[in-house]
Amino acid sequence: MELFFVALGLVLVLEGLLWAGFPNQMKAAAERLLELPASVLRQGGLVAMAAGVLIIWWVRG
């Protein structure tokens, strides 16, 4: 469970860095996401999840 919270904290740090460092670009990116169809967002989410699982599998063995 500790590892989960460490990973969650790292996600929040990275997300916060993007919003703090590039607020205008992040707003523009968020606005562009609203224009995409749900199917494209779903596919992107599935690809990101698969990449995450592969990275974890690769690192953890």
PDB file of N, CA and C in Angstrom:
ATOM      1  N   MET A   1       0.826  -1.195   0.000  1.00  0.00           N
ATOM      2  CA  MET A   1       0.000   0.000   0.000  1.00  0.00           C
ATOM      3  C   MET A   1       0.865   1.252   0.000  1.00  0.00           C
ATOM      4  N   GLU A   2       2.028   1.144   0.645  1.00  0.00           N
ATOM      5  CA  GLU A   2       2.941   2.289   0.684  1.00  0.00           C
ATOM      6  C   GLU A   2       3.388   2.666  -0.722  1.00  0.00           C
ATOM      7  N   LEU A   3       3.676   1.661  -1.538  1.00  0.00           N
ATOM      8  CA  LEU A   3       4.124   1.911  -2.908  1.00  0.00           C
ATOM      9  C   LEU A   3       3.049   2.638  -3.714  1.00  0.00           C
ATOM     10  N   PHE A   4       1.788   2.288  -3.476  1.00  0.00           N
ATOM     11  CA  PHE A   4       0.685   2.954  -4.157  1.00  0.00           C
ATOM     12  C   PHE A   4       0.684   4.448  -3.858  1.00  0.00           C
ATOM     13  N   PHE A   5       0.851   4.805  -2.602  1.00  0.00           N
ATOM     14  CA  PHE A   5       0.823   6.215  -2.228  1.00  0.00           C
ATOM     15  C   PHE A   5       2.058   6.957  -2.728  1.00  0.00           C
ATOM     16  N   VAL A   6       3.185   6.270  -2.801  1.00  0.00           N
ATOM     17  CA  VAL A   6       4.382   6.882  -3.386  1.00  0.00           C
ATOM     18  C   VAL A   6       4.138   7.165  -4.867  1.00  0.00           C
ATOM     19  N   ALA A   7       3.564   6.199  -5.572  1.00  0.00           N
ATOM     20  CA  ALA A   7       3.264   6.384  -6.993  1.00  0.00           C
ATOM     21  C   ALA A   7       2.244   7.500  -7.198  1.00  0.00           C
ATOM     22  N   LEU A   8       1.216   7.536  -6.367  1.00  0.00           N
ATOM     23  CA  LEU A   8       0.208   8.594  -6.455  1.00  0.00           C
ATOM     24  C   LEU A   8       0.837   9.959  -6.203  1.00  0.00           C
ATOM     25  N   GLY A   9       1.702  10.045  -5.212  1.00  0.00           N
ATOM     26  CA  GLY A   9       2.398  11.299  -4.936  1.00  0.00           C
ATOM     27  C   GLY A   9       3.258  11.739  -6.105  1.00  0.00           C
ATOM     28  N   LEU A  10       3.934  10.800  -6.744  1.00  0.00           N
ATOM     29  CA  LEU A  10       4.763  11.134  -7.901  1.00  0.00           C
ATOM     30  C   LEU A  10       3.919  11.649  -9.059  1.00  0.00           C
ATOM     31  N   VAL A  11       2.767  11.035  -9.277  1.00  0.00           N
ATOM     32  CA  VAL A  11       1.856  11.516 -10.321  1.00  0.00           C
ATOM     33  C   VAL A  11       1.435  12.952 -10.030  1.00  0.00           C
ATOM     34  N   LEU A  12       1.083  13.238  -8.788  1.00  0.00           N
ATOM     35  CA  LEU A  12       0.653  14.590  -8.421  1.00  0.00           C
ATOM     36  C   LEU A  12       1.786  15.600  -8.563  1.00  0.00           C
ATOM     37  N   VAL A  13       3.003  15.202  -8.217  1.00  0.00           N
ATOM     38  CA  VAL A  13       4.155  16.097  -8.374  1.00  0.00           C
ATOM     39  C   VAL A  13       4.364  16.425  -9.847  1.00  0.00           C
ATOM     40  N   LEU A  14       4.351  15.410 -10.699  1.00  0.00           N
ATOM     41  CA  LEU A  14       4.572  15.647 -12.127  1.00  0.00           C
ATOM     42  C   LEU A  14       3.452  16.486 -12.736  1.00  0.00           C
ATOM     43  N   GLU A  15       2.218  16.187 -12.368  1.00  0.00           N
ATOM     44  CA  GLU A  15       1.085  16.969 -12.866  1.00  0.00           C
ATOM     45  C   GLU A  15       1.182  18.417 -12.381  1.00  0.00           C
ATOM     46  N   GLY A  16       1.524  18.594 -11.129  1.00  0.00           N
ATOM     47  CA  GLY A  16       1.671  19.940 -10.583  1.00  0.00           C
ATOM     48  C   GLY A  16       2.786  20.720 -11.255  1.00  0.00           C
ATOM     49  N   LEU A  17       3.884  20.038 -11.572  1.00  0.00           N
ATOM     50  CA  LEU A  17       4.984  20.702 -12.281  1.00  0.00           C
ATOM     51  C   LEU A  17       4.530  21.252 -13.623  1.00  0.00           C
ATOM     52  N   LEU A  18       3.744  20.470 -14.341  1.00  0.00           N
ATOM     53  CA  LEU A  18       3.258  20.928 -15.645  1.00  0.00           C
ATOM     54  C   LEU A  18       2.348  22.143 -15.501  1.00  0.00           C
ATOM     55  N   TRP A  19       1.390  22.081 -14.559  1.00  0.00           N
ATOM     56  CA  TRP A  19       0.461  23.195 -14.386  1.00  0.00           C
ATOM     57  C   TRP A  19       1.156  24.436 -13.837  1.00  0.00           C
ATOM     58  N   ALA A  20       2.129  24.261 -12.959  1.00  0.00           N
ATOM     59  CA  ALA A  20       2.840  25.410 -12.392  1.00  0.00           C
ATOM     60  C   ALA A  20       3.824  26.003 -13.394  1.00  0.00           C
ATOM     61  N   GLY A  21       4.451  25.150 -14.183  1.00  0.00           N
ATOM     62  CA  GLY A  21       5.476  25.627 -15.112  1.00  0.00           C
ATOM     63  C   GLY A  21       4.931  26.147 -16.423  1.00  0.00           C
ATOM     64  N   PHE A  22       3.808  25.595 -16.871  1.00  0.00           N
ATOM     65  CA  PHE A  22       3.271  25.954 -18.182  1.00  0.00           C
ATOM     66  C   PHE A  22       1.753  26.125 -18.122  1.00  0.00           C
ATOM     67  N   PRO A  23       1.264  27.062 -17.321  1.00  0.00           N
ATOM     68  CA  PRO A  23      -0.193  27.159 -17.136  1.00  0.00           C
ATOM     69  C   PRO A  23      -0.956  27.479 -18.419  1.00  0.00           C
ATOM     70  N   ASN A  24      -0.442  28.373 -19.235  1.00  0.00           N
ATOM     71  CA  ASN A  24      -1.163  28.730 -20.464  1.00  0.00           C
ATOM     72  C   ASN A  24      -1.215  27.571 -21.449  1.00  0.00           C
ATOM     73  N   GLN A  25      -0.107  26.860 -21.584  1.00  0.00           N
ATOM     74  CA  GLN A  25      -0.076  25.722 -22.495  1.00  0.00           C
ATOM     75  C   GLN A  25      -0.980  24.591 -21.995  1.00  0.00           C
ATOM     76  N   MET A  26      -1.028  24.403 -20.680  1.00  0.00           N
ATOM     77  CA  MET A  26      -1.884  23.357 -20.121  1.00  0.00           C
ATOM     78  C   MET A  26      -3.365  23.702 -20.309  1.00  0.00           C
ATOM     79  N   LYS A  27      -3.715  24.990 -20.157  1.00  0.00           N
ATOM     80  CA  LYS A  27      -5.095  25.404 -20.406  1.00  0.00           C
ATOM     81  C   LYS A  27      -5.471  25.161 -21.856  1.00  0.00           C
ATOM     82  N   ALA A  28      -4.557  25.506 -22.762  1.00  0.00           N
ATOM     83  CA  ALA A  28      -4.821  25.298 -24.187  1.00  0.00           C
ATOM     84  C   ALA A  28      -4.978  23.811 -24.496  1.00  0.00           C
ATOM     85  N   ALA A  29      -4.136  22.992 -23.895  1.00  0.00           N
ATOM     86  CA  ALA A  29      -4.235  21.544 -24.119  1.00  0.00           C
ATOM     87  C   ALA A  29      -5.560  21.005 -23.585  1.00  0.00           C
ATOM     88  N   ALA A  30      -5.975  21.479 -22.416  1.00  0.00           N
ATOM     89  CA  ALA A  30      -7.243  21.037 -21.836  1.00  0.00           C
ATOM     90  C   ALA A  30      -8.417  21.454 -22.721  1.00  0.00           C
ATOM     91  N   GLU A  31      -8.343  22.640 -23.296  1.00  0.00           N
ATOM     92  CA  GLU A  31      -9.410  23.094 -24.192  1.00  0.00           C
ATOM     93  C   GLU A  31      -9.467  22.240 -25.454  1.00  0.00           C
ATOM     94  N   ARG A  32      -8.296  21.856 -25.967  1.00  0.00           N
ATOM     95  CA  ARG A  32      -8.269  21.003 -27.160  1.00  0.00           C
ATOM     96  C   ARG A  32      -8.842  19.617 -26.861  1.00  0.00           C
ATOM     97  N   LEU A  33      -8.640  19.141 -25.635  1.00  0.00           N
ATOM     98  CA  LEU A  33      -9.189  17.834 -25.265  1.00  0.00           C
ATOM     99  C   LEU A  33     -10.714  17.828 -25.328  1.00  0.00           C
ATOM    100  N   LEU A  34     -11.330  18.963 -25.006  1.00  0.00           N
ATOM    101  CA  LEU A  34     -12.792  19.048 -25.044  1.00  0.00           C
ATOM    102  C   LEU A  34     -13.340  18.852 -26.448  1.00  0.00           C
ATOM    103  N   GLU A  35     -12.532  19.152 -27.456  1.00  0.00           N
ATOM    104  CA  GLU A  35     -12.979  19.042 -28.844  1.00  0.00           C
ATOM    105  C   GLU A  35     -12.859  17.619 -29.390  1.00  0.00           C
ATOM    106  N   LEU A  36     -12.126  16.757 -28.709  1.00  0.00           N
ATOM    107  CA  LEU A  36     -11.922  15.394 -29.194  1.00  0.00           C
ATOM    108  C   LEU A  36     -13.125  14.518 -28.872  1.00  0.00           C
ATOM    109  N   PRO A  37     -13.428  13.591 -29.761  1.00  0.00           N
ATOM    110  CA  PRO A  37     -14.510  12.649 -29.464  1.00  0.00           C
ATOM    111  C   PRO A  37     -14.134  11.729 -28.298  1.00  0.00           C
ATOM    112  N   ALA A  38     -15.148  11.244 -27.606  1.00  0.00           N
ATOM    113  CA  ALA A  38     -14.914  10.371 -26.456  1.00  0.00           C
ATOM    114  C   ALA A  38     -14.137   9.121 -26.852  1.00  0.00           C
ATOM    115  N   SER A  39     -14.364   8.622 -28.057  1.00  0.00           N
ATOM    116  CA  SER A  39     -13.669   7.404 -28.482  1.00  0.00           C
ATOM    117  C   SER A  39     -12.161   7.619 -28.570  1.00  0.00           C
ATOM    118  N   VAL A  40     -11.739   8.791 -29.003  1.00  0.00           N
ATOM    119  CA  VAL A  40     -10.307   9.096 -29.095  1.00  0.00           C
ATOM    120  C   VAL A  40      -9.709   9.205 -27.696  1.00  0.00           C
ATOM    121  N   LEU A  41     -10.422   9.858 -26.785  1.00  0.00           N
ATOM    122  CA  LEU A  41      -9.950   9.965 -25.405  1.00  0.00           C
ATOM    123  C   LEU A  41      -9.859   8.589 -24.752  1.00  0.00           C
ATOM    124  N   ARG A  42     -10.847   7.750 -25.027  1.00  0.00           N
ATOM    125  CA  ARG A  42     -10.847   6.392 -24.469  1.00  0.00           C
ATOM    126  C   ARG A  42      -9.651   5.598 -24.993  1.00  0.00           C
ATOM    127  N   GLN A  43      -9.391   5.688 -26.298  1.00  0.00           N
ATOM    128  CA  GLN A  43      -8.247   4.980 -26.881  1.00  0.00           C
ATOM    129  C   GLN A  43      -6.938   5.479 -26.285  1.00  0.00           C
ATOM    130  N   GLY A  44      -6.815   6.791 -26.115  1.00  0.00           N
ATOM    131  CA  GLY A  44      -5.611   7.348 -25.504  1.00  0.00           C
ATOM    132  C   GLY A  44      -5.433   6.860 -24.077  1.00  0.00           C
ATOM    133  N   GLY A  45      -6.528   6.782 -23.333  1.00  0.00           N
ATOM    134  CA  GLY A  45      -6.460   6.277 -21.967  1.00  0.00           C
ATOM    135  C   GLY A  45      -6.050   4.819 -21.914  1.00  0.00           C
ATOM    136  N   LEU A  46      -6.576   4.022 -22.826  1.00  0.00           N
ATOM    137  CA  LEU A  46      -6.208   2.604 -22.865  1.00  0.00           C
ATOM    138  C   LEU A  46      -4.742   2.418 -23.238  1.00  0.00           C
ATOM    139  N   VAL A  47      -4.255   3.211 -24.178  1.00  0.00           N
ATOM    140  CA  VAL A  47      -2.838   3.138 -24.558  1.00  0.00           C
ATOM    141  C   VAL A  47      -1.958   3.544 -23.378  1.00  0.00           C
ATOM    142  N   ALA A  48      -2.348   4.600 -22.671  1.00  0.00           N
ATOM    143  CA  ALA A  48      -1.569   5.048 -21.511  1.00  0.00           C
ATOM    144  C   ALA A  48      -1.561   3.975 -20.417  1.00  0.00           C
ATOM    145  N   MET A  49      -2.710   3.349 -20.177  1.00  0.00           N
ATOM    146  CA  MET A  49      -2.766   2.283 -19.169  1.00  0.00           C
ATOM    147  C   MET A  49      -1.883   1.110 -19.571  1.00  0.00           C
ATOM    148  N   ALA A  50      -1.947   0.719 -20.835  1.00  0.00           N
ATOM    149  CA  ALA A  50      -1.125  -0.400 -21.302  1.00  0.00           C
ATOM    150  C   ALA A  50       0.353  -0.069 -21.175  1.00  0.00           C
ATOM    151  N   ALA A  51       0.728   1.161 -21.527  1.00  0.00           N
ATOM    152  CA  ALA A  51       2.132   1.570 -21.392  1.00  0.00           C
ATOM    153  C   ALA A  51       2.556   1.528 -19.930  1.00  0.00           C
ATOM    154  N   GLY A  52       1.697   1.979 -19.042  1.00  0.00           N
ATOM    155  CA  GLY A  52       2.007   1.945 -17.615  1.00  0.00           C
ATOM    156  C   GLY A  52       2.189   0.532 -17.098  1.00  0.00           C
ATOM    157  N   VAL A  53       1.307  -0.366 -17.512  1.00  0.00           N
ATOM    158  CA  VAL A  53       1.422  -1.764 -17.087  1.00  0.00           C
ATOM    159  C   VAL A  53       2.717  -2.369 -17.619  1.00  0.00           C
ATOM    160  N   LEU A  54       3.051  -2.093 -18.874  1.00  0.00           N
ATOM    161  CA  LEU A  54       4.292  -2.622 -19.449  1.00  0.00           C
ATOM    162  C   LEU A  54       5.526  -2.086 -18.730  1.00  0.00           C
ATOM    163  N   ILE A  55       5.507  -0.814 -18.387  1.00  0.00           N
ATOM    164  CA  ILE A  55       6.644  -0.234 -17.658  1.00  0.00           C
ATOM    165  C   ILE A  55       6.782  -0.887 -16.288  1.00  0.00           C
ATOM    166  N   ILE A  56       5.665  -1.030 -15.580  1.00  0.00           N
ATOM    167  CA  ILE A  56       5.705  -1.669 -14.259  1.00  0.00           C
ATOM    168  C   ILE A  56       6.194  -3.107 -14.386  1.00  0.00           C
ATOM    169  N   TRP A  57       5.666  -3.832 -15.368  1.00  0.00           N
ATOM    170  CA  TRP A  57       6.072  -5.222 -15.580  1.00  0.00           C
ATOM    171  C   TRP A  57       7.563  -5.309 -15.885  1.00  0.00           C
ATOM    172  N   TRP A  58       8.056  -4.387 -16.709  1.00  0.00           N
ATOM    173  CA  TRP A  58       9.466  -4.380 -17.096  1.00  0.00           C
ATOM    174  C   TRP A  58      10.365  -4.080 -15.892  1.00  0.00           C
ATOM    175  N   VAL A  59       9.978  -3.084 -15.085  1.00  0.00           N
ATOM    176  CA  VAL A  59      10.800  -2.674 -13.948  1.00  0.00           C
ATOM    177  C   VAL A  59      10.740  -3.702 -12.820  1.00  0.00           C
ATOM    178  N   ARG A  60       9.550  -4.189 -12.533  1.00  0.00           N
ATOM    179  CA  ARG A  60       9.367  -5.100 -11.398  1.00  0.00           C
ATOM    180  C   ARG A  60       9.735  -6.545 -11.737  1.00  0.00           C
ATOM    181  N   GLY A  61       9.835  -6.842 -13.031  1.00  0.00           N
ATOM    182  CA  GLY A  61      10.224  -8.189 -13.447  1.00  0.00           C
ATOM    183  C   GLY A  61       9.066  -9.077 -13.393  1.00  0.00           C
TER     184      GLY A  61
END
